[in-house]
Amino acid sequence: MKTNANWIQQADIALQRAAKRARALAERTNTPLHVMRNGRIVKIMPGAADAVLHEEPPAYEAKKP
């Protein structure tokens, strides 16, 4: 029987493998990727410099009085 920790580790490994495949496919097809950097969603062109094409504004935060 699998433990929760083992299942979580396997899911993390699968997500990392999927991200690597997505990046490779984007490089081959010259397609931009959306990734999270410093808490923001950023559109990049994968490759040598990972040029940032577009950066989302920070998440809305309600101002406290």
Protein backbone atom coordinates (compact mmCIF):
# COMPACT_ATOMS: atom_id res chain seq x y z
CA MET A 1 0.00 0.00 0.00
CA LYS A 2 1.32 3.44 -0.92
CA THR A 3 1.72 6.08 1.72
CA ASN A 4 0.58 9.66 1.19
CA ALA A 5 4.19 10.88 1.17
CA ASN A 6 5.10 8.42 -1.58
CA TRP A 7 2.09 9.43 -3.68
CA ILE A 8 2.92 13.12 -3.29
CA GLN A 9 6.54 12.52 -4.32
CA GLN A 10 5.41 10.62 -7.40
CA ALA A 11 2.99 13.39 -8.37
CA ASP A 12 5.74 15.99 -7.98
CA ILE A 13 8.08 13.97 -10.20
CA ALA A 14 5.32 13.59 -12.82
CA LEU A 15 4.65 17.36 -12.83
CA GLN A 16 8.34 18.12 -13.26
CA ARG A 17 8.55 15.64 -16.14
CA ALA A 18 5.48 17.22 -17.79
CA ALA A 19 6.97 20.72 -17.43
CA LYS A 20 10.20 19.57 -19.05
CA ARG A 21 8.28 18.05 -21.97
CA ALA A 22 6.15 21.20 -22.38
CA ARG A 23 9.28 23.38 -22.49
CA ALA A 24 10.92 21.09 -25.07
CA LEU A 25 7.79 21.13 -27.24
CA ALA A 26 7.55 24.92 -26.99
CA GLU A 27 11.18 25.26 -28.06
CA ARG A 28 10.67 22.95 -31.05
CA THR A 29 7.49 24.73 -32.21
CA ASN A 30 8.61 28.28 -31.29
CA THR A 31 5.60 28.67 -29.00
CA PRO A 32 5.49 30.85 -25.86
CA LEU A 33 4.99 29.36 -22.40
CA HIS A 34 3.17 30.74 -19.38
CA VAL A 35 5.06 30.20 -16.13
CA MET A 36 4.93 31.49 -12.57
CA ARG A 37 7.85 33.73 -11.53
CA ASN A 38 7.97 35.63 -8.27
CA GLY A 39 4.24 35.12 -7.72
CA ARG A 40 3.28 36.45 -11.16
CA ILE A 41 2.24 34.71 -14.35
CA VAL A 42 4.77 35.47 -17.08
CA LYS A 43 4.64 34.65 -20.80
CA ILE A 44 8.10 33.62 -22.04
CA MET A 45 9.72 32.40 -25.21
CA PRO A 46 11.75 29.35 -24.23
CA GLY A 47 15.30 29.21 -25.40
CA ALA A 48 18.67 30.59 -24.46
CA ALA A 49 17.47 33.73 -22.70
CA ASP A 50 13.82 32.89 -21.85
CA ALA A 51 12.76 36.35 -23.00
CA VAL A 52 9.74 37.66 -21.09
CA LEU A 53 6.97 38.61 -23.54
CA HIS A 54 4.24 39.63 -21.11
CA GLU A 55 3.85 39.86 -17.35
CA GLU A 56 0.51 39.79 -15.57
CA PRO A 57 -0.16 42.50 -12.99
CA PRO A 58 0.07 41.45 -9.35
CA ALA A 59 -2.95 39.72 -7.87
CA TYR A 60 -5.70 41.98 -6.58
CA GLU A 61 -5.42 42.62 -2.89
CA ALA A 62 -8.15 44.46 -1.02
CA LYS A 63 -6.83 47.47 0.83
CA LYS A 64 -7.38 47.29 4.55
CA PRO A 65 -8.59 50.48 6.26
